[in-house]
Amino acid sequence: MTPTKERINKTFELHGESFEIEGRPTKGFFQLLDLQSDNIYLDDIESSAVVRPGLICWITGDTSASVGESVVRDGRTYEIKKLSKLRRRDEVMLQVIVLV
C-alpha cells in the first residue's frame, strides 16, 4: 500500500461517517446529489427516476461495492446506481458511488 493510500484510509477511518453496504460496515463521506452532480453522473432517463434526496458517497478503494447493492445510512436504504473508481498509477485510491 502506498503512503498516499495509507493517508486516505486513515482519514476515512478517523473522520468518515459509518454506514453499511449489504450489511458490511464501512465509512465514507456523503454529499446530496444536486442537479449539477446529477447531470455529471446520470443521463436524463436515469435522472428522472431518482427519488430525492439522492446521495454521492466517497469510499476507500479497498471497500467492496458494486452497482445494485443496497446501502443503509441513518435507517434509510439506498441502491448503488453508479460506481466510479479513482486511480493513481493503476491503484484504486477512492470510489465514488451514486446512491438513489
PDB file of N, CA and C in Angstrom:
ATOM      1  N   MET A   1       0.853  -1.179   0.000  1.00  0.00           N
ATOM      2  CA  MET A   1       0.000   0.000   0.000  1.00  0.00           C
ATOM      3  C   MET A   1       0.898   1.241   0.000  1.00  0.00           C
ATOM      4  N   THR A   2       0.580   2.167  -0.874  1.00  0.00           N
ATOM      5  CA  THR A   2       1.379   3.385  -0.986  1.00  0.00           C
ATOM      6  C   THR A   2       1.082   4.330   0.182  1.00  0.00           C
ATOM      7  N   PRO A   3       2.028   5.246   0.479  1.00  0.00           N
ATOM      8  CA  PRO A   3       1.783   6.212   1.557  1.00  0.00           C
ATOM      9  C   PRO A   3       0.529   7.059   1.325  1.00  0.00           C
ATOM     10  N   THR A   4       0.261   7.409   0.069  1.00  0.00           N
ATOM     11  CA  THR A   4      -0.939   8.198  -0.235  1.00  0.00           C
ATOM     12  C   THR A   4      -2.199   7.430   0.128  1.00  0.00           C
ATOM     13  N   LYS A   5      -2.232   6.174  -0.243  1.00  0.00           N
ATOM     14  CA  LYS A   5      -3.405   5.351   0.063  1.00  0.00           C
ATOM     15  C   LYS A   5      -3.551   5.150   1.571  1.00  0.00           C
ATOM     16  N   GLU A   6      -2.444   5.005   2.279  1.00  0.00           N
ATOM     17  CA  GLU A   6      -2.498   4.879   3.743  1.00  0.00           C
ATOM     18  C   GLU A   6      -3.102   6.125   4.369  1.00  0.00           C
ATOM     19  N   ARG A   7      -2.710   7.315   3.887  1.00  0.00           N
ATOM     20  CA  ARG A   7      -3.270   8.568   4.414  1.00  0.00           C
ATOM     21  C   ARG A   7      -4.765   8.663   4.129  1.00  0.00           C
ATOM     22  N   ILE A   8      -5.162   8.285   2.926  1.00  0.00           N
ATOM     23  CA  ILE A   8      -6.587   8.314   2.575  1.00  0.00           C
ATOM     24  C   ILE A   8      -7.373   7.378   3.482  1.00  0.00           C
ATOM     25  N   ASN A   9      -6.902   6.153   3.650  1.00  0.00           N
ATOM     26  CA  ASN A   9      -7.596   5.179   4.500  1.00  0.00           C
ATOM     27  C   ASN A   9      -7.676   5.656   5.947  1.00  0.00           C
ATOM     28  N   LYS A  10      -6.608   6.277   6.448  1.00  0.00           N
ATOM     29  CA  LYS A  10      -6.610   6.776   7.828  1.00  0.00           C
ATOM     30  C   LYS A  10      -7.624   7.916   7.984  1.00  0.00           C
ATOM     31  N   THR A  11      -7.700   8.797   6.987  1.00  0.00           N
ATOM     32  CA  THR A  11      -8.667   9.896   7.028  1.00  0.00           C
ATOM     33  C   THR A  11     -10.096   9.364   7.080  1.00  0.00           C
ATOM     34  N   PHE A  12     -10.388   8.362   6.258  1.00  0.00           N
ATOM     35  CA  PHE A  12     -11.724   7.766   6.267  1.00  0.00           C
ATOM     36  C   PHE A  12     -12.010   7.103   7.609  1.00  0.00           C
ATOM     37  N   GLU A  13     -11.027   6.413   8.165  1.00  0.00           N
ATOM     38  CA  GLU A  13     -11.226   5.720   9.441  1.00  0.00           C
ATOM     39  C   GLU A  13     -11.487   6.714  10.576  1.00  0.00           C
ATOM     40  N   LEU A  14     -10.772   7.835  10.576  1.00  0.00           N
ATOM     41  CA  LEU A  14     -10.906   8.811  11.657  1.00  0.00           C
ATOM     42  C   LEU A  14     -12.129   9.715  11.510  1.00  0.00           C
ATOM     43  N   HIS A  15     -12.442  10.131  10.284  1.00  0.00           N
ATOM     44  CA  HIS A  15     -13.452  11.174  10.091  1.00  0.00           C
ATOM     45  C   HIS A  15     -14.673  10.747   9.285  1.00  0.00           C
ATOM     46  N   GLY A  16     -14.647   9.566   8.692  1.00  0.00           N
ATOM     47  CA  GLY A  16     -15.756   9.124   7.850  1.00  0.00           C
ATOM     48  C   GLY A  16     -17.009   8.796   8.647  1.00  0.00           C
ATOM     49  N   GLU A  17     -18.134   8.876   7.974  1.00  0.00           N
ATOM     50  CA  GLU A  17     -19.426   8.539   8.578  1.00  0.00           C
ATOM     51  C   GLU A  17     -19.685   7.044   8.413  1.00  0.00           C
ATOM     52  N   SER A  18     -20.120   6.404   9.483  1.00  0.00           N
ATOM     53  CA  SER A  18     -20.382   4.962   9.441  1.00  0.00           C
ATOM     54  C   SER A  18     -21.700   4.669   8.736  1.00  0.00           C
ATOM     55  N   PHE A  19     -21.692   3.621   7.912  1.00  0.00           N
ATOM     56  CA  PHE A  19     -22.893   3.137   7.239  1.00  0.00           C
ATOM     57  C   PHE A  19     -22.630   1.703   6.802  1.00  0.00           C
ATOM     58  N   GLU A  20     -23.598   1.076   6.140  1.00  0.00           N
ATOM     59  CA  GLU A  20     -23.458  -0.327   5.733  1.00  0.00           C
ATOM     60  C   GLU A  20     -23.715  -0.490   4.242  1.00  0.00           C
ATOM     61  N   ILE A  21     -22.888  -1.333   3.609  1.00  0.00           N
ATOM     62  CA  ILE A  21     -23.109  -1.754   2.227  1.00  0.00           C
ATOM     63  C   ILE A  21     -23.394  -3.247   2.279  1.00  0.00           C
ATOM     64  N   GLU A  22     -24.628  -3.629   1.942  1.00  0.00           N
ATOM     65  CA  GLU A  22     -25.047  -5.042   2.008  1.00  0.00           C
ATOM     66  C   GLU A  22     -24.720  -5.660   3.371  1.00  0.00           C
ATOM     67  N   GLY A  23     -24.915  -4.890   4.437  1.00  0.00           N
ATOM     68  CA  GLY A  23     -24.689  -5.387   5.788  1.00  0.00           C
ATOM     69  C   GLY A  23     -23.252  -5.309   6.260  1.00  0.00           C
ATOM     70  N   ARG A  24     -22.321  -4.906   5.386  1.00  0.00           N
ATOM     71  CA  ARG A  24     -20.913  -4.782   5.768  1.00  0.00           C
ATOM     72  C   ARG A  24     -20.659  -3.358   6.258  1.00  0.00           C
ATOM     73  N   PRO A  25     -20.200  -3.188   7.499  1.00  0.00           N
ATOM     74  CA  PRO A  25     -19.940  -1.836   7.997  1.00  0.00           C
ATOM     75  C   PRO A  25     -18.747  -1.208   7.278  1.00  0.00           C
ATOM     76  N   THR A  26     -18.873   0.071   6.957  1.00  0.00           N
ATOM     77  CA  THR A  26     -17.794   0.817   6.313  1.00  0.00           C
ATOM     78  C   THR A  26     -17.941   2.290   6.661  1.00  0.00           C
ATOM     79  N   LYS A  27     -17.018   3.109   6.182  1.00  0.00           N
ATOM     80  CA  LYS A  27     -17.072   4.547   6.433  1.00  0.00           C
ATOM     81  C   LYS A  27     -16.904   5.293   5.125  1.00  0.00           C
ATOM     82  N   GLY A  28     -17.544   6.456   5.047  1.00  0.00           N
ATOM     83  CA  GLY A  28     -17.458   7.261   3.837  1.00  0.00           C
ATOM     84  C   GLY A  28     -17.849   8.699   4.106  1.00  0.00           C
ATOM     85  N   PHE A  29     -17.781   9.501   3.057  1.00  0.00           N
ATOM     86  CA  PHE A  29     -18.182  10.900   3.110  1.00  0.00           C
ATOM     87  C   PHE A  29     -19.332  11.101   2.126  1.00  0.00           C
ATOM     88  N   PHE A  30     -20.380  11.794   2.563  1.00  0.00           N
ATOM     89  CA  PHE A  30     -21.604  11.938   1.776  1.00  0.00           C
ATOM     90  C   PHE A  30     -21.837  13.379   1.344  1.00  0.00           C
ATOM     91  N   GLN A  31     -22.543  13.512   0.228  1.00  0.00           N
ATOM     92  CA  GLN A  31     -22.989  14.802  -0.287  1.00  0.00           C
ATOM     93  C   GLN A  31     -24.333  14.581  -0.961  1.00  0.00           C
ATOM     94  N   LEU A  32     -25.230  15.558  -0.846  1.00  0.00           N
ATOM     95  CA  LEU A  32     -26.511  15.455  -1.549  1.00  0.00           C
ATOM     96  C   LEU A  32     -26.278  15.493  -3.053  1.00  0.00           C
ATOM     97  N   LEU A  33     -27.055  14.735  -3.776  1.00  0.00           N
ATOM     98  CA  LEU A  33     -26.977  14.699  -5.238  1.00  0.00           C
ATOM     99  C   LEU A  33     -27.797  15.861  -5.784  1.00  0.00           C
ATOM    100  N   ASP A  34     -27.130  16.996  -6.039  1.00  0.00           N
ATOM    101  CA  ASP A  34     -27.824  18.159  -6.590  1.00  0.00           C
ATOM    102  C   ASP A  34     -27.945  18.019  -8.109  1.00  0.00           C
ATOM    103  N   LEU A  35     -28.600  18.969  -8.746  1.00  0.00           N
ATOM    104  CA  LEU A  35     -28.853  18.860 -10.185  1.00  0.00           C
ATOM    105  C   LEU A  35     -27.576  18.879 -11.015  1.00  0.00           C
ATOM    106  N   GLN A  36     -26.574  19.667 -10.621  1.00  0.00           N
ATOM    107  CA  GLN A  36     -25.317  19.694 -11.369  1.00  0.00           C
ATOM    108  C   GLN A  36     -24.611  18.349 -11.298  1.00  0.00           C
ATOM    109  N   SER A  37     -24.505  17.789 -10.107  1.00  0.00           N
ATOM    110  CA  SER A  37     -23.871  16.476  -9.947  1.00  0.00           C
ATOM    111  C   SER A  37     -24.696  15.399 -10.628  1.00  0.00           C
ATOM    112  N   ASP A  38     -25.993  15.548 -10.564  1.00  0.00           N
ATOM    113  CA  ASP A  38     -26.903  14.604 -11.203  1.00  0.00           C
ATOM    114  C   ASP A  38     -26.592  14.490 -12.698  1.00  0.00           C
ATOM    115  N   ASN A  39     -26.384  15.633 -13.347  1.00  0.00           N
ATOM    116  CA  ASN A  39     -26.087  15.646 -14.780  1.00  0.00           C
ATOM    117  C   ASN A  39     -24.711  15.069 -15.102  1.00  0.00           C
ATOM    118  N   ILE A  40     -23.788  15.116 -14.172  1.00  0.00           N
ATOM    119  CA  ILE A  40     -22.451  14.557 -14.389  1.00  0.00           C
ATOM    120  C   ILE A  40     -22.503  13.035 -14.396  1.00  0.00           C
ATOM    121  N   TYR A  41     -23.216  12.458 -13.453  1.00  0.00           N
ATOM    122  CA  TYR A  41     -23.184  11.013 -13.254  1.00  0.00           C
ATOM    123  C   TYR A  41     -24.312  10.248 -13.944  1.00  0.00           C
ATOM    124  N   LEU A  42     -25.453  10.888 -14.156  1.00  0.00           N
ATOM    125  CA  LEU A  42     -26.624  10.179 -14.677  1.00  0.00           C
ATOM    126  C   LEU A  42     -27.109  10.811 -15.972  1.00  0.00           C
ATOM    127  N   ASP A  43     -27.642   9.994 -16.873  1.00  0.00           N
ATOM    128  CA  ASP A  43     -28.257  10.554 -18.077  1.00  0.00           C
ATOM    129  C   ASP A  43     -29.688  10.994 -17.744  1.00  0.00           C
ATOM    130  N   ASP A  44     -30.388  11.571 -18.716  1.00  0.00           N
ATOM    131  CA  ASP A  44     -31.716  12.144 -18.462  1.00  0.00           C
ATOM    132  C   ASP A  44     -32.730  11.104 -17.985  1.00  0.00           C
ATOM    133  N   ILE A  45     -32.694   9.922 -18.554  1.00  0.00           N
ATOM    134  CA  ILE A  45     -33.647   8.879 -18.164  1.00  0.00           C
ATOM    135  C   ILE A  45     -33.381   8.418 -16.734  1.00  0.00           C
ATOM    136  N   GLU A  46     -32.109   8.189 -16.399  1.00  0.00           N
ATOM    137  CA  GLU A  46     -31.769   7.781 -15.032  1.00  0.00           C
ATOM    138  C   GLU A  46     -32.097   8.890 -14.047  1.00  0.00           C
ATOM    139  N   SER A  47     -31.835  10.117 -14.433  1.00  0.00           N
ATOM    140  CA  SER A  47     -32.089  11.262 -13.564  1.00  0.00           C
ATOM    141  C   SER A  47     -33.571  11.411 -13.239  1.00  0.00           C
ATOM    142  N   SER A  48     -34.436  11.155 -14.210  1.00  0.00           N
ATOM    143  CA  SER A  48     -35.873  11.299 -13.975  1.00  0.00           C
ATOM    144  C   SER A  48     -36.409  10.242 -13.013  1.00  0.00           C
ATOM    145  N   ALA A  49     -35.686   9.134 -12.853  1.00  0.00           N
ATOM    146  CA  ALA A  49     -36.134   8.063 -11.961  1.00  0.00           C
ATOM    147  C   ALA A  49     -35.629   8.227 -10.529  1.00  0.00           C
ATOM    148  N   VAL A  50     -34.776   9.217 -10.296  1.00  0.00           N
ATOM    149  CA  VAL A  50     -34.191   9.403  -8.964  1.00  0.00           C
ATOM    150  C   VAL A  50     -35.233   9.955  -8.007  1.00  0.00           C
ATOM    151  N   VAL A  51     -35.371   9.295  -6.866  1.00  0.00           N
ATOM    152  CA  VAL A  51     -36.229   9.783  -5.792  1.00  0.00           C
ATOM    153  C   VAL A  51     -35.344  10.610  -4.870  1.00  0.00           C
ATOM    154  N   ARG A  52     -35.674  11.846  -4.712  1.00  0.00           N
ATOM    155  CA  ARG A  52     -34.846  12.736  -3.897  1.00  0.00           C
ATOM    156  C   ARG A  52     -35.003  12.425  -2.423  1.00  0.00           C
ATOM    157  N   PRO A  53     -34.003  12.582  -1.579  1.00  0.00           N
ATOM    158  CA  PRO A  53     -32.693  13.052  -1.977  1.00  0.00           C
ATOM    159  C   PRO A  53     -31.765  11.902  -2.366  1.00  0.00           C
ATOM    160  N   GLY A  54     -31.142  11.994  -3.507  1.00  0.00           N
ATOM    161  CA  GLY A  54     -30.082  11.068  -3.880  1.00  0.00           C
ATOM    162  C   GLY A  54     -28.787  11.520  -3.216  1.00  0.00           C
ATOM    163  N   LEU A  55     -27.819  10.649  -3.139  1.00  0.00           N
ATOM    164  CA  LEU A  55     -26.554  10.973  -2.479  1.00  0.00           C
ATOM    165  C   LEU A  55     -25.371  10.575  -3.343  1.00  0.00           C
ATOM    166  N   ILE A  56     -24.262  11.278  -3.137  1.00  0.00           N
ATOM    167  CA  ILE A  56     -22.970  10.864  -3.661  1.00  0.00           C
ATOM    168  C   ILE A  56     -22.142  10.489  -2.441  1.00  0.00           C
ATOM    169  N   CYS A  57     -21.422   9.395  -2.533  1.00  0.00           N
ATOM    170  CA  CYS A  57     -20.617   8.938  -1.408  1.00  0.00           C
ATOM    171  C   CYS A  57     -19.223   8.578  -1.895  1.00  0.00           C
ATOM    172  N   TRP A  58     -18.221   9.010  -1.151  1.00  0.00           N
ATOM    173  CA  TRP A  58     -16.838   8.632  -1.423  1.00  0.00           C
ATOM    174  C   TRP A  58     -16.445   7.572  -0.412  1.00  0.00           C
ATOM    175  N   ILE A  59     -15.875   6.477  -0.904  1.00  0.00           N
ATOM    176  CA  ILE A  59     -15.399   5.395  -0.043  1.00  0.00           C
ATOM    177  C   ILE A  59     -13.975   5.047  -0.458  1.00  0.00           C
ATOM    178  N   THR A  60     -13.271   4.320   0.399  1.00  0.00           N
ATOM    179  CA  THR A  60     -11.894   3.952   0.081  1.00  0.00           C
ATOM    180  C   THR A  60     -11.860   2.962  -1.073  1.00  0.00           C
ATOM    181  N   GLY A  61     -10.716   2.867  -1.703  1.00  0.00           N
ATOM    182  CA  GLY A  61     -10.547   1.939  -2.811  1.00  0.00           C
ATOM    183  C   GLY A  61     -10.600   0.491  -2.391  1.00  0.00           C
ATOM    184  N   ASP A  62     -10.379   0.223  -1.105  1.00  0.00           N
ATOM    185  CA  ASP A  62     -10.384  -1.147  -0.586  1.00  0.00           C
ATOM    186  C   ASP A  62     -11.781  -1.657  -0.261  1.00  0.00           C
ATOM    187  N   THR A  63     -12.754  -0.773  -0.206  1.00  0.00           N
ATOM    188  CA  THR A  63     -14.115  -1.149   0.169  1.00  0.00           C
ATOM    189  C   THR A  63     -14.779  -1.925  -0.962  1.00  0.00           C
ATOM    190  N   SER A  64     -15.403  -3.028  -0.605  1.00  0.00           N
ATOM    191  CA  SER A  64     -16.107  -3.844  -1.595  1.00  0.00           C
ATOM    192  C   SER A  64     -17.484  -3.237  -1.863  1.00  0.00           C
ATOM    193  N   ALA A  65     -17.728  -2.866  -3.124  1.00  0.00           N
ATOM    194  CA  ALA A  65     -19.021  -2.299  -3.516  1.00  0.00           C
ATOM    195  C   ALA A  65     -19.230  -2.551  -4.998  1.00  0.00           C
ATOM    196  N   SER A  66     -20.488  -2.734  -5.384  1.00  0.00           N
ATOM    197  CA  SER A  66     -20.807  -2.881  -6.808  1.00  0.00           C
ATOM    198  C   SER A  66     -22.211  -2.340  -7.073  1.00  0.00           C
ATOM    199  N   VAL A  67     -22.464  -2.040  -8.327  1.00  0.00           N
ATOM    200  CA  VAL A  67     -23.755  -1.481  -8.740  1.00  0.00           C
ATOM    201  C   VAL A  67     -24.872  -2.463  -8.398  1.00  0.00           C
ATOM    202  N   GLY A  68     -25.961  -1.924  -7.842  1.00  0.00           N
ATOM    203  CA  GLY A  68     -27.114  -2.743  -7.492  1.00  0.00           C
ATOM    204  C   GLY A  68     -27.162  -3.150  -6.030  1.00  0.00           C
ATOM    205  N   GLU A  69     -26.053  -3.008  -5.308  1.00  0.00           N
ATOM    206  CA  GLU A  69     -26.057  -3.373  -3.888  1.00  0.00           C
ATOM    207  C   GLU A  69     -26.814  -2.318  -3.089  1.00  0.00           C
ATOM    208  N   SER A  70     -27.293  -2.718  -1.909  1.00  0.00           N
ATOM    209  CA  SER A  70     -28.037  -1.786  -1.065  1.00  0.00           C
ATOM    210  C   SER A  70     -27.123  -1.182  -0.010  1.00  0.00           C
ATOM    211  N   VAL A  71     -27.426   0.071   0.314  1.00  0.00           N
ATOM    212  CA  VAL A  71     -26.672   0.831   1.302  1.00  0.00           C
ATOM    213  C   VAL A  71     -27.665   1.333   2.339  1.00  0.00           C
ATOM    214  N   VAL A  72     -27.336   1.161   3.617  1.00  0.00           N
ATOM    215  CA  VAL A  72     -28.189   1.666   4.693  1.00  0.00           C
ATOM    216  C   VAL A  72     -27.432   2.765   5.420  1.00  0.00           C
ATOM    217  N   ARG A  73     -28.035   3.960   5.427  1.00  0.00           N
ATOM    218  CA  ARG A  73     -27.456   5.116   6.122  1.00  0.00           C
ATOM    219  C   ARG A  73     -28.559   5.763   6.944  1.00  0.00           C
ATOM    220  N   ASP A  74     -28.340   5.890   8.228  1.00  0.00           N
ATOM    221  CA  ASP A  74     -29.318   6.501   9.138  1.00  0.00           C
ATOM    222  C   ASP A  74     -30.703   5.886   9.007  1.00  0.00           C
ATOM    223  N   GLY A  75     -30.770   4.574   8.824  1.00  0.00           N
ATOM    224  CA  GLY A  75     -32.042   3.880   8.754  1.00  0.00           C
ATOM    225  C   GLY A  75     -32.735   3.936   7.403  1.00  0.00           C
ATOM    226  N   ARG A  76     -32.172   4.644   6.449  1.00  0.00           N
ATOM    227  CA  ARG A  76     -32.765   4.732   5.110  1.00  0.00           C
ATOM    228  C   ARG A  76     -31.955   3.880   4.141  1.00  0.00           C
ATOM    229  N   THR A  77     -32.641   3.149   3.271  1.00  0.00           N
ATOM    230  CA  THR A  77     -31.980   2.253   2.326  1.00  0.00           C
ATOM    231  C   THR A  77     -31.885   2.912   0.954  1.00  0.00           C
ATOM    232  N   TYR A  78     -30.698   2.851   0.379  1.00  0.00           N
ATOM    233  CA  TYR A  78     -30.425   3.369  -0.961  1.00  0.00           C
ATOM    234  C   TYR A  78     -29.887   2.229  -1.822  1.00  0.00           C
ATOM    235  N   GLU A  79     -29.904   2.432  -3.124  1.00  0.00           N
ATOM    236  CA  GLU A  79     -29.313   1.474  -4.056  1.00  0.00           C
ATOM    237  C   GLU A  79     -28.140   2.148  -4.765  1.00  0.00           C
ATOM    238  N   ILE A  80     -27.047   1.406  -4.958  1.00  0.00           N
ATOM    239  CA  ILE A  80     -25.911   1.942  -5.704  1.00  0.00           C
ATOM    240  C   ILE A  80     -26.286   1.940  -7.182  1.00  0.00           C
ATOM    241  N   LYS A  81     -26.401   3.131  -7.759  1.00  0.00           N
ATOM    242  CA  LYS A  81     -26.797   3.277  -9.158  1.00  0.00           C
ATOM    243  C   LYS A  81     -25.581   3.344 -10.082  1.00  0.00           C
ATOM    244  N   LYS A  82     -24.541   4.034  -9.639  1.00  0.00           N
ATOM    245  CA  LYS A  82     -23.304   4.179 -10.418  1.00  0.00           C
ATOM    246  C   LYS A  82     -22.118   4.049  -9.475  1.00  0.00           C
ATOM    247  N   LEU A  83     -21.001   3.580 -10.027  1.00  0.00           N
ATOM    248  CA  LEU A  83     -19.776   3.433  -9.242  1.00  0.00           C
ATOM    249  C   LEU A  83     -18.604   3.807 -10.134  1.00  0.00           C
ATOM    250  N   SER A  84     -17.721   4.644  -9.620  1.00  0.00           N
ATOM    251  CA  SER A  84     -16.540   5.056 -10.370  1.00  0.00           C
ATOM    252  C   SER A  84     -15.315   4.887  -9.483  1.00  0.00           C
ATOM    253  N   LYS A  85     -14.276   4.304 -10.038  1.00  0.00           N
ATOM    254  CA  LYS A  85     -13.035   4.091  -9.293  1.00  0.00           C
ATOM    255  C   LYS A  85     -12.025   5.153  -9.707  1.00  0.00           C
ATOM    256  N   LEU A  86     -11.466   5.851  -8.728  1.00  0.00           N
ATOM    257  CA  LEU A  86     -10.451   6.871  -8.976  1.00  0.00           C
ATOM    258  C   LEU A  86      -9.087   6.252  -8.708  1.00  0.00           C
ATOM    259  N   ARG A  87      -8.236   6.256  -9.722  1.00  0.00           N
ATOM    260  CA  ARG A  87      -6.949   5.562  -9.641  1.00  0.00           C
ATOM    261  C   ARG A  87      -5.783   6.531  -9.672  1.00  0.00           C
ATOM    262  N   ARG A  88      -4.691   6.062  -9.108  1.00  0.00           N
ATOM    263  CA  ARG A  88      -3.398   6.740  -9.208  1.00  0.00           C
ATOM    264  C   ARG A  88      -2.366   5.661  -9.476  1.00  0.00           C
ATOM    265  N   ARG A  89      -1.756   5.721 -10.636  1.00  0.00           N
ATOM    266  CA  ARG A  89      -0.762   4.715 -11.035  1.00  0.00           C
ATOM    267  C   ARG A  89      -1.312   3.298 -10.913  1.00  0.00           C
ATOM    268  N   ASP A  90      -2.459   3.079 -11.490  1.00  0.00           N
ATOM    269  CA  ASP A  90      -3.116   1.765 -11.535  1.00  0.00           C
ATOM    270  C   ASP A  90      -3.539   1.226 -10.174  1.00  0.00           C
ATOM    271  N   GLU A  91      -3.539   2.054  -9.147  1.00  0.00           N
ATOM    272  CA  GLU A  91      -4.024   1.635  -7.828  1.00  0.00           C
ATOM    273  C   GLU A  91      -5.293   2.421  -7.518  1.00  0.00           C
ATOM    274  N   VAL A  92      -6.351   1.718  -7.135  1.00  0.00           N
ATOM    275  CA  VAL A  92      -7.622   2.379  -6.805  1.00  0.00           C
ATOM    276  C   VAL A  92      -7.473   3.080  -5.460  1.00  0.00           C
ATOM    277  N   MET A  93      -7.582   4.404  -5.482  1.00  0.00           N
ATOM    278  CA  MET A  93      -7.450   5.202  -4.261  1.00  0.00           C
ATOM    279  C   MET A  93      -8.808   5.433  -3.602  1.00  0.00           C
ATOM    280  N   LEU A  94      -9.792   5.821  -4.421  1.00  0.00           N
ATOM    281  CA  LEU A  94     -11.133   6.140  -3.933  1.00  0.00           C
ATOM    282  C   LEU A  94     -12.162   5.568  -4.887  1.00  0.00           C
ATOM    283  N   GLN A  95     -13.372   5.425  -4.374  1.00  0.00           N
ATOM    284  CA  GLN A  95     -14.510   5.061  -5.206  1.00  0.00           C
ATOM    285  C   GLN A  95     -15.611   6.084  -4.947  1.00  0.00           C
ATOM    286  N   VAL A  96     -16.261   6.508  -6.006  1.00  0.00           N
ATOM    287  CA  VAL A  96     -17.395   7.423  -5.903  1.00  0.00           C
ATOM    288  C   VAL A  96     -18.630   6.621  -6.263  1.00  0.00           C
ATOM    289  N   ILE A  97     -19.607   6.603  -5.357  1.00  0.00           N
ATOM    290  CA  ILE A  97     -20.839   5.874  -5.639  1.00  0.00           C
ATOM    291  C   ILE A  97     -22.022   6.843  -5.616  1.00  0.00           C
ATOM    292  N   VAL A  98     -22.940   6.644  -6.548  1.00  0.00           N
ATOM    293  CA  VAL A  98     -24.168   7.437  -6.621  1.00  0.00           C
ATOM    294  C   VAL A  98     -25.278   6.575  -6.050  1.00  0.00           C
ATOM    295  N   LEU A  99     -25.944   7.094  -5.032  1.00  0.00           N
ATOM    296  CA  LEU A  99     -26.992   6.356  -4.315  1.00  0.00           C
ATOM    297  C   LEU A  99     -28.347   6.980  -4.606  1.00  0.00           C
ATOM    298  N   VAL A 100     -29.309   6.134  -4.969  1.00  0.00           N
ATOM    299  CA  VAL A 100     -30.672   6.626  -5.211  1.00  0.00           C
ATOM    300  C   VAL A 100     -31.658   5.772  -4.445  1.00  0.00           C
TER     301      VAL A 100
END
